[in-house]
Amino acid sequence: MERLAFRVIIPARMRSSRLPGKMLAMVGDKPLVAWAAERAAESGADEVVIATDHQEIADAMVARGWKVCTTSASHPTGTDRLAETVQLLDLADDEIVVNVQGDEPLIDPQLIRKVASELALRPKASISTAAHPIESATAFFDPNVVKVVVDTAGYAQYFSRAPIPYARDAFTKSKAKLPKDFPAYRHVGLYAYRVSFLRLFASLSETPAEKFEALEQLRALGHGHRIAVAFWTGDIEPGVDTPEDLERVRKLLK
């Protein structure tokens, strides 16, 4: 069996609207971003790289033995930061990188590996991501839960905050529960990219669907790029966005 080759890049910014400085918030004996890096390393990645525009983050991670790339502070998206990082690392176009957020200290290493493997298995895809079954009507109709519709070949057809696909007959009778065998999937915001796509990303214009849905992945679909979807039934641990999230993680990891 061919060896799975991939890198993990962790974009880490100091600025955060809800929890400023969270990347260096201490959880036990190390900063939050170091926990995410350790999880990423457990996935079997060939290399884990921290991409940051902040010297304190860079210094803290270098001191703990992690590889760091210092990037521009002007990137509008995390994907743009990844694109600069692959340039700095001088990666080949066919290499695979997984974007793991620095505020996800509980991410399952096997989920990271599964998303990388999905892209490696699908040469027609530029990106891969993950989806998790939705079992409650409350989650399905929640616009904060992003849904994905997948074709029979395993590629994403569309992502939306709207309830898709829509069970016309069942929901006419009741929206209190989902019908049996209903293909409702929550999008899990973890991505693997081919380096060739990251080099191209900055030149792609924003699409109307992306603008109104506020979903960056629709830019890739809108420009004809295919996104492979890995199905995941394990736990999906939330990231750290608020002081309450940080305290929850501290209790879990102490």
C-alpha atoms as a PDB file:
ATOM      1  CA  MET A   1       0.000   0.000   0.000  1.00  0.00           C
ATOM      2  CA  GLU A   2       1.348   3.406  -0.982  1.00  0.00           C
ATOM      3  CA  ARG A   3       2.379   5.630   1.885  1.00  0.00           C
ATOM      4  CA  LEU A   4       0.129   8.612   2.580  1.00  0.00           C
ATOM      5  CA  ALA A   5       2.227  11.763   2.270  1.00  0.00           C
ATOM      6  CA  PHE A   6       0.866  15.085   3.545  1.00  0.00           C
ATOM      7  CA  ARG A   7       1.724  18.113   5.656  1.00  0.00           C
ATOM      8  CA  VAL A   8      -0.348  20.000   8.178  1.00  0.00           C
ATOM      9  CA  ILE A   9      -0.271  23.797   8.237  1.00  0.00           C
ATOM     10  CA  ILE A  10      -1.774  25.560  11.253  1.00  0.00           C
ATOM     11  CA  PRO A  11      -2.669  29.231  10.630  1.00  0.00           C
ATOM     12  CA  ALA A  12      -2.346  31.027  13.965  1.00  0.00           C
ATOM     13  CA  ARG A  13      -3.347  34.674  14.358  1.00  0.00           C
ATOM     14  CA  MET A  14      -3.171  36.646  17.588  1.00  0.00           C
ATOM     15  CA  ARG A  15      -6.231  38.745  16.747  1.00  0.00           C
ATOM     16  CA  SER A  16      -9.632  37.284  17.590  1.00  0.00           C
ATOM     17  CA  SER A  17     -12.845  39.265  17.973  1.00  0.00           C
ATOM     18  CA  ARG A  18     -14.321  37.094  20.725  1.00  0.00           C
ATOM     19  CA  LEU A  19     -11.184  35.870  22.502  1.00  0.00           C
ATOM     20  CA  PRO A  20      -8.110  38.030  21.775  1.00  0.00           C
ATOM     21  CA  GLY A  21      -4.767  36.272  22.205  1.00  0.00           C
ATOM     22  CA  LYS A  22      -6.351  32.841  22.471  1.00  0.00           C
ATOM     23  CA  MET A  23      -3.566  31.055  20.587  1.00  0.00           C
ATOM     24  CA  LEU A  24      -1.209  31.675  23.498  1.00  0.00           C
ATOM     25  CA  ALA A  25      -3.804  31.090  26.225  1.00  0.00           C
ATOM     26  CA  MET A  26      -2.328  28.498  28.557  1.00  0.00           C
ATOM     27  CA  VAL A  27      -4.085  25.142  28.785  1.00  0.00           C
ATOM     28  CA  GLY A  28      -2.257  23.123  31.383  1.00  0.00           C
ATOM     29  CA  ASP A  29       1.441  23.530  30.717  1.00  0.00           C
ATOM     30  CA  LYS A  30       1.308  24.737  27.113  1.00  0.00           C
ATOM     31  CA  PRO A  31      -0.461  27.277  24.884  1.00  0.00           C
ATOM     32  CA  LEU A  32      -3.649  26.391  23.045  1.00  0.00           C
ATOM     33  CA  VAL A  33      -1.991  26.257  19.612  1.00  0.00           C
ATOM     34  CA  ALA A  34       0.584  23.730  20.861  1.00  0.00           C
ATOM     35  CA  TRP A  35      -2.216  21.291  21.735  1.00  0.00           C
ATOM     36  CA  ALA A  36      -3.535  21.573  18.172  1.00  0.00           C
ATOM     37  CA  ALA A  37      -0.019  21.002  16.804  1.00  0.00           C
ATOM     38  CA  GLU A  38       0.376  17.851  18.902  1.00  0.00           C
ATOM     39  CA  ARG A  39      -2.938  16.482  17.613  1.00  0.00           C
ATOM     40  CA  ALA A  40      -1.835  17.228  14.059  1.00  0.00           C
ATOM     41  CA  ALA A  41       1.465  15.417  14.576  1.00  0.00           C
ATOM     42  CA  GLU A  42      -0.436  12.347  15.808  1.00  0.00           C
ATOM     43  CA  SER A  43      -2.185  12.144  12.413  1.00  0.00           C
ATOM     44  CA  GLY A  44       0.990  10.821  10.808  1.00  0.00           C
ATOM     45  CA  ALA A  45       1.684  14.021   8.872  1.00  0.00           C
ATOM     46  CA  ASP A  46       5.190  14.282   7.442  1.00  0.00           C
ATOM     47  CA  GLU A  47       5.506  17.760   8.921  1.00  0.00           C
ATOM     48  CA  VAL A  48       3.504  20.222  11.011  1.00  0.00           C
ATOM     49  CA  VAL A  49       4.097  23.911  10.318  1.00  0.00           C
ATOM     50  CA  ILE A  50       2.738  26.902  12.241  1.00  0.00           C
ATOM     51  CA  ALA A  51       1.914  29.828   9.925  1.00  0.00           C
ATOM     52  CA  THR A  52       1.688  33.052  11.913  1.00  0.00           C
ATOM     53  CA  ASP A  53       1.965  36.802  11.534  1.00  0.00           C
ATOM     54  CA  HIS A  54       2.736  37.354  15.211  1.00  0.00           C
ATOM     55  CA  GLN A  55       6.211  37.178  16.739  1.00  0.00           C
ATOM     56  CA  GLU A  56       5.036  35.999  20.176  1.00  0.00           C
ATOM     57  CA  ILE A  57       3.318  32.980  18.652  1.00  0.00           C
ATOM     58  CA  ALA A  58       6.371  32.255  16.520  1.00  0.00           C
ATOM     59  CA  ASP A  59       8.736  32.503  19.493  1.00  0.00           C
ATOM     60  CA  ALA A  60       6.533  30.336  21.723  1.00  0.00           C
ATOM     61  CA  MET A  61       6.244  27.553  19.155  1.00  0.00           C
ATOM     62  CA  VAL A  62       9.890  27.604  18.085  1.00  0.00           C
ATOM     63  CA  ALA A  63      10.828  27.309  21.772  1.00  0.00           C
ATOM     64  CA  ARG A  64       8.765  24.107  21.880  1.00  0.00           C
ATOM     65  CA  GLY A  65      10.461  22.667  18.814  1.00  0.00           C
ATOM     66  CA  TRP A  66       7.820  23.375  16.162  1.00  0.00           C
ATOM     67  CA  LYS A  67       8.558  24.624  12.654  1.00  0.00           C
ATOM     68  CA  VAL A  68       7.214  28.142  12.051  1.00  0.00           C
ATOM     69  CA  CYS A  69       6.656  30.227   8.909  1.00  0.00           C
ATOM     70  CA  THR A  70       6.214  33.959   9.439  1.00  0.00           C
ATOM     71  CA  THR A  71       3.546  35.256   7.072  1.00  0.00           C
ATOM     72  CA  SER A  72       2.027  38.604   6.138  1.00  0.00           C
ATOM     73  CA  ALA A  73      -0.485  40.226   8.490  1.00  0.00           C
ATOM     74  CA  SER A  74      -2.626  41.426   5.577  1.00  0.00           C
ATOM     75  CA  HIS A  75      -4.189  38.137   4.428  1.00  0.00           C
ATOM     76  CA  PRO A  76      -7.997  38.374   4.131  1.00  0.00           C
ATOM     77  CA  THR A  77      -8.510  34.636   4.699  1.00  0.00           C
ATOM     78  CA  GLY A  78      -6.760  31.677   6.268  1.00  0.00           C
ATOM     79  CA  THR A  79      -6.510  30.109   2.809  1.00  0.00           C
ATOM     80  CA  ASP A  80      -4.464  33.086   1.609  1.00  0.00           C
ATOM     81  CA  ARG A  81      -2.141  32.549   4.571  1.00  0.00           C
ATOM     82  CA  LEU A  82      -1.760  28.896   3.550  1.00  0.00           C
ATOM     83  CA  ALA A  83      -0.973  29.957  -0.003  1.00  0.00           C
ATOM     84  CA  GLU A  84       1.894  32.150   1.198  1.00  0.00           C
ATOM     85  CA  THR A  85       3.138  29.357   3.433  1.00  0.00           C
ATOM     86  CA  VAL A  86       3.387  26.797   0.623  1.00  0.00           C
ATOM     87  CA  GLN A  87       5.391  29.397  -1.317  1.00  0.00           C
ATOM     88  CA  LEU A  88       7.752  29.899   1.617  1.00  0.00           C
ATOM     89  CA  LEU A  89       8.128  26.113   1.992  1.00  0.00           C
ATOM     90  CA  ASP A  90       8.657  25.736  -1.778  1.00  0.00           C
ATOM     91  CA  LEU A  91       6.263  22.797  -1.991  1.00  0.00           C
ATOM     92  CA  ALA A  92       5.559  20.946  -5.238  1.00  0.00           C
ATOM     93  CA  ASP A  93       2.188  21.424  -6.959  1.00  0.00           C
ATOM     94  CA  ASP A  94       1.064  17.836  -6.338  1.00  0.00           C
ATOM     95  CA  GLU A  95       1.739  17.870  -2.591  1.00  0.00           C
ATOM     96  CA  ILE A  96      -1.141  17.781  -0.091  1.00  0.00           C
ATOM     97  CA  VAL A  97      -1.532  20.095   2.878  1.00  0.00           C
ATOM     98  CA  VAL A  98      -4.226  19.961   5.545  1.00  0.00           C
ATOM     99  CA  ASN A  99      -5.390  23.181   7.177  1.00  0.00           C
ATOM    100  CA  VAL A 100      -5.878  22.598  10.916  1.00  0.00           C
ATOM    101  CA  GLN A 101      -7.052  25.544  13.000  1.00  0.00           C
ATOM    102  CA  GLY A 102      -4.893  26.495  15.973  1.00  0.00           C
ATOM    103  CA  ASP A 103      -7.951  26.803  18.210  1.00  0.00           C
ATOM    104  CA  GLU A 104      -8.938  23.129  17.868  1.00  0.00           C
ATOM    105  CA  PRO A 105      -6.985  21.362  20.616  1.00  0.00           C
ATOM    106  CA  LEU A 106      -9.397  18.409  20.665  1.00  0.00           C
ATOM    107  CA  ILE A 107      -9.440  17.591  16.946  1.00  0.00           C
ATOM    108  CA  ASP A 108      -9.232  13.858  16.230  1.00  0.00           C
ATOM    109  CA  PRO A 109      -5.912  12.999  14.515  1.00  0.00           C
ATOM    110  CA  GLN A 110      -7.681  10.280  12.520  1.00  0.00           C
ATOM    111  CA  LEU A 111     -10.070  12.853  11.063  1.00  0.00           C
ATOM    112  CA  ILE A 112      -7.081  14.874   9.833  1.00  0.00           C
ATOM    113  CA  ARG A 113      -5.615  11.758   8.239  1.00  0.00           C
ATOM    114  CA  LYS A 114      -8.934  10.729   6.693  1.00  0.00           C
ATOM    115  CA  VAL A 115      -9.364  14.073   4.944  1.00  0.00           C
ATOM    116  CA  ALA A 116      -5.790  13.909   3.598  1.00  0.00           C
ATOM    117  CA  SER A 117      -6.366  10.344   2.403  1.00  0.00           C
ATOM    118  CA  GLU A 118      -9.597  11.327   0.638  1.00  0.00           C
ATOM    119  CA  LEU A 119      -7.737  13.888  -1.458  1.00  0.00           C
ATOM    120  CA  ALA A 120      -4.883  11.491  -2.202  1.00  0.00           C
ATOM    121  CA  LEU A 121      -7.390   8.939  -3.518  1.00  0.00           C
ATOM    122  CA  ARG A 122      -9.162  11.441  -5.799  1.00  0.00           C
ATOM    123  CA  PRO A 123      -6.836  12.961  -8.405  1.00  0.00           C
ATOM    124  CA  LYS A 124      -9.705  14.980  -9.950  1.00  0.00           C
ATOM    125  CA  ALA A 125     -10.303  16.890  -6.712  1.00  0.00           C
ATOM    126  CA  SER A 126      -8.548  20.119  -5.775  1.00  0.00           C
ATOM    127  CA  ILE A 127      -9.786  20.010  -2.178  1.00  0.00           C
ATOM    128  CA  SER A 128     -11.183  17.492   0.268  1.00  0.00           C
ATOM    129  CA  THR A 129     -13.250  18.043   3.384  1.00  0.00           C
ATOM    130  CA  ALA A 130     -15.479  16.057   5.740  1.00  0.00           C
ATOM    131  CA  ALA A 131     -19.152  15.597   6.495  1.00  0.00           C
ATOM    132  CA  HIS A 132     -20.994  14.196   9.516  1.00  0.00           C
ATOM    133  CA  PRO A 133     -24.572  12.842   9.601  1.00  0.00           C
ATOM    134  CA  ILE A 134     -27.222  15.233  10.942  1.00  0.00           C
ATOM    135  CA  GLU A 135     -29.726  13.404  13.103  1.00  0.00           C
ATOM    136  CA  SER A 136     -31.840  16.185  14.606  1.00  0.00           C
ATOM    137  CA  ALA A 137     -34.287  18.537  12.905  1.00  0.00           C
ATOM    138  CA  THR A 138     -33.085  21.345  15.176  1.00  0.00           C
ATOM    139  CA  ALA A 139     -29.568  21.101  13.744  1.00  0.00           C
ATOM    140  CA  PHE A 140     -30.827  20.663  10.186  1.00  0.00           C
ATOM    141  CA  PHE A 141     -32.847  23.895  10.242  1.00  0.00           C
ATOM    142  CA  ASP A 142     -30.151  25.881  12.095  1.00  0.00           C
ATOM    143  CA  PRO A 143     -28.440  28.348   9.702  1.00  0.00           C
ATOM    144  CA  ASN A 144     -25.284  28.156  11.804  1.00  0.00           C
ATOM    145  CA  VAL A 145     -24.975  24.480  10.852  1.00  0.00           C
ATOM    146  CA  VAL A 146     -23.560  24.321   7.330  1.00  0.00           C
ATOM    147  CA  LYS A 147     -25.018  21.527   5.230  1.00  0.00           C
ATOM    148  CA  VAL A 148     -23.435  19.764   2.249  1.00  0.00           C
ATOM    149  CA  VAL A 149     -25.070  17.760  -0.539  1.00  0.00           C
ATOM    150  CA  VAL A 150     -22.821  15.059  -2.000  1.00  0.00           C
ATOM    151  CA  ASP A 151     -23.131  13.343  -5.389  1.00  0.00           C
ATOM    152  CA  THR A 152     -22.961   9.592  -5.971  1.00  0.00           C
ATOM    153  CA  ALA A 153     -19.224   9.793  -6.680  1.00  0.00           C
ATOM    154  CA  GLY A 154     -18.466  11.441  -3.328  1.00  0.00           C
ATOM    155  CA  TYR A 155     -17.964  15.022  -4.486  1.00  0.00           C
ATOM    156  CA  ALA A 156     -19.685  18.054  -2.964  1.00  0.00           C
ATOM    157  CA  GLN A 157     -22.496  19.498  -5.078  1.00  0.00           C
ATOM    158  CA  TYR A 158     -23.254  22.470  -2.832  1.00  0.00           C
ATOM    159  CA  PHE A 159     -22.759  23.845   0.672  1.00  0.00           C
ATOM    160  CA  SER A 160     -25.424  25.951   2.355  1.00  0.00           C
ATOM    161  CA  ARG A 161     -26.726  27.364   5.600  1.00  0.00           C
ATOM    162  CA  ALA A 162     -30.190  26.551   4.271  1.00  0.00           C
ATOM    163  CA  PRO A 163     -31.826  23.168   4.980  1.00  0.00           C
ATOM    164  CA  ILE A 164     -30.616  21.098   2.016  1.00  0.00           C
ATOM    165  CA  PRO A 165     -31.649  18.713   0.612  1.00  0.00           C
ATOM    166  CA  TYR A 166     -35.282  19.541   1.379  1.00  0.00           C
ATOM    167  CA  ALA A 167     -37.688  16.677   2.103  1.00  0.00           C
ATOM    168  CA  ARG A 168     -40.701  18.225   0.370  1.00  0.00           C
ATOM    169  CA  ASP A 169     -43.392  15.691   1.291  1.00  0.00           C
ATOM    170  CA  ALA A 170     -42.158  14.904   4.814  1.00  0.00           C
ATOM    171  CA  PHE A 171     -41.669  18.546   5.804  1.00  0.00           C
ATOM    172  CA  THR A 172     -45.113  19.485   4.497  1.00  0.00           C
ATOM    173  CA  LYS A 173     -46.489  17.251   7.249  1.00  0.00           C
ATOM    174  CA  SER A 174     -43.979  18.063   9.994  1.00  0.00           C
ATOM    175  CA  LYS A 175     -40.575  19.648  10.549  1.00  0.00           C
ATOM    176  CA  ALA A 176     -40.223  18.229  14.044  1.00  0.00           C
ATOM    177  CA  LYS A 177     -38.041  15.310  12.956  1.00  0.00           C
ATOM    178  CA  LEU A 178     -36.082  14.138   9.952  1.00  0.00           C
ATOM    179  CA  PRO A 179     -37.497  11.352   7.787  1.00  0.00           C
ATOM    180  CA  LYS A 180     -35.911   7.897   7.795  1.00  0.00           C
ATOM    181  CA  ASP A 181     -32.764   7.501   5.639  1.00  0.00           C
ATOM    182  CA  PHE A 182     -32.680  11.255   4.947  1.00  0.00           C
ATOM    183  CA  PRO A 183     -29.243  12.220   3.499  1.00  0.00           C
ATOM    184  CA  ALA A 184     -28.584  15.247   5.711  1.00  0.00           C
ATOM    185  CA  TYR A 185     -24.917  16.009   6.383  1.00  0.00           C
ATOM    186  CA  ARG A 186     -23.215  18.659   8.459  1.00  0.00           C
ATOM    187  CA  HIS A 187     -20.104  20.091   6.856  1.00  0.00           C
ATOM    188  CA  VAL A 188     -17.032  19.675   9.036  1.00  0.00           C
ATOM    189  CA  GLY A 189     -14.758  22.673   8.399  1.00  0.00           C
ATOM    190  CA  LEU A 190     -11.501  20.795   7.883  1.00  0.00           C
ATOM    191  CA  TYR A 191      -9.796  20.971   4.475  1.00  0.00           C
ATOM    192  CA  ALA A 192      -6.976  19.304   2.593  1.00  0.00           C
ATOM    193  CA  TYR A 193      -5.644  21.114  -0.482  1.00  0.00           C
ATOM    194  CA  ARG A 194      -3.426  20.330  -3.406  1.00  0.00           C
ATOM    195  CA  VAL A 195      -0.651  22.907  -3.448  1.00  0.00           C
ATOM    196  CA  SER A 196      -1.495  23.722  -7.074  1.00  0.00           C
ATOM    197  CA  PHE A 197      -4.943  24.925  -5.973  1.00  0.00           C
ATOM    198  CA  LEU A 198      -3.518  27.070  -3.165  1.00  0.00           C
ATOM    199  CA  ARG A 199      -1.251  28.801  -5.680  1.00  0.00           C
ATOM    200  CA  LEU A 200      -4.342  29.556  -7.788  1.00  0.00           C
ATOM    201  CA  PHE A 201      -6.728  30.536  -4.978  1.00  0.00           C
ATOM    202  CA  ALA A 202      -5.788  34.214  -4.653  1.00  0.00           C
ATOM    203  CA  SER A 203      -6.592  34.804  -8.337  1.00  0.00           C
ATOM    204  CA  LEU A 204     -10.144  33.425  -8.053  1.00  0.00           C
ATOM    205  CA  SER A 205     -12.864  36.036  -7.754  1.00  0.00           C
ATOM    206  CA  GLU A 206     -15.516  35.887  -5.045  1.00  0.00           C
ATOM    207  CA  THR A 207     -18.752  34.326  -6.324  1.00  0.00           C
ATOM    208  CA  PRO A 208     -22.263  35.634  -5.573  1.00  0.00           C
ATOM    209  CA  ALA A 209     -23.175  32.430  -3.707  1.00  0.00           C
ATOM    210  CA  GLU A 210     -20.044  32.705  -1.561  1.00  0.00           C
ATOM    211  CA  LYS A 211     -20.810  36.330  -0.757  1.00  0.00           C
ATOM    212  CA  PHE A 212     -24.387  35.768   0.385  1.00  0.00           C
ATOM    213  CA  GLU A 213     -23.869  32.414   2.122  1.00  0.00           C
ATOM    214  CA  ALA A 214     -20.596  33.617   3.686  1.00  0.00           C
ATOM    215  CA  LEU A 215     -18.983  30.276   2.816  1.00  0.00           C
ATOM    216  CA  GLU A 216     -15.513  30.500   1.297  1.00  0.00           C
ATOM    217  CA  GLN A 217     -15.597  26.926  -0.099  1.00  0.00           C
ATOM    218  CA  LEU A 218     -18.267  28.017  -2.596  1.00  0.00           C
ATOM    219  CA  ARG A 219     -15.568  30.004  -4.415  1.00  0.00           C
ATOM    220  CA  ALA A 220     -13.834  26.775  -5.380  1.00  0.00           C
ATOM    221  CA  LEU A 221     -17.086  25.144  -6.527  1.00  0.00           C
ATOM    222  CA  GLY A 222     -18.139  28.280  -8.388  1.00  0.00           C
ATOM    223  CA  HIS A 223     -14.930  28.204 -10.412  1.00  0.00           C
ATOM    224  CA  GLY A 224     -15.284  24.534 -11.339  1.00  0.00           C
ATOM    225  CA  HIS A 225     -13.002  22.919  -8.765  1.00  0.00           C
ATOM    226  CA  ARG A 226     -14.096  19.618  -7.272  1.00  0.00           C
ATOM    227  CA  ILE A 227     -14.268  19.036  -3.525  1.00  0.00           C
ATOM    228  CA  ALA A 228     -14.116  15.420  -2.344  1.00  0.00           C
ATOM    229  CA  VAL A 229     -16.035  14.617   0.829  1.00  0.00           C
ATOM    230  CA  ALA A 230     -14.921  12.141   3.487  1.00  0.00           C
ATOM    231  CA  PHE A 231     -17.741  10.800   5.639  1.00  0.00           C
ATOM    232  CA  TRP A 232     -16.993  10.822   9.362  1.00  0.00           C
ATOM    233  CA  THR A 233     -19.065   9.252  12.117  1.00  0.00           C
ATOM    234  CA  GLY A 234     -16.730   9.911  15.032  1.00  0.00           C
ATOM    235  CA  ASP A 235     -17.103  12.753  17.512  1.00  0.00           C
ATOM    236  CA  ILE A 236     -16.734  16.336  16.280  1.00  0.00           C
ATOM    237  CA  GLU A 237     -15.170  18.401  19.040  1.00  0.00           C
ATOM    238  CA  PRO A 238     -15.847  22.165  18.895  1.00  0.00           C
ATOM    239  CA  GLY A 239     -13.025  24.684  18.762  1.00  0.00           C
ATOM    240  CA  VAL A 240     -12.274  27.498  21.200  1.00  0.00           C
ATOM    241  CA  ASP A 241     -14.068  30.723  20.316  1.00  0.00           C
ATOM    242  CA  THR A 242     -15.150  32.152  23.669  1.00  0.00           C
ATOM    243  CA  PRO A 243     -13.861  32.363  27.267  1.00  0.00           C
ATOM    244  CA  GLU A 244     -16.397  29.664  28.152  1.00  0.00           C
ATOM    245  CA  ASP A 245     -14.961  27.361  25.469  1.00  0.00           C
ATOM    246  CA  LEU A 246     -11.476  27.937  26.852  1.00  0.00           C
ATOM    247  CA  GLU A 247     -12.526  26.986  30.388  1.00  0.00           C
ATOM    248  CA  ARG A 248     -14.258  23.850  29.085  1.00  0.00           C
ATOM    249  CA  VAL A 249     -11.089  22.769  27.276  1.00  0.00           C
ATOM    250  CA  ARG A 250      -8.949  23.497  30.333  1.00  0.00           C
ATOM    251  CA  LYS A 251     -11.116  21.177  32.410  1.00  0.00           C
ATOM    252  CA  LEU A 252     -10.985  18.448  29.784  1.00  0.00           C
ATOM    253  CA  LEU A 253      -7.227  18.604  29.240  1.00  0.00           C
ATOM    254  CA  LYS A 254      -5.962  19.327  32.739  1.00  0.00           C
END
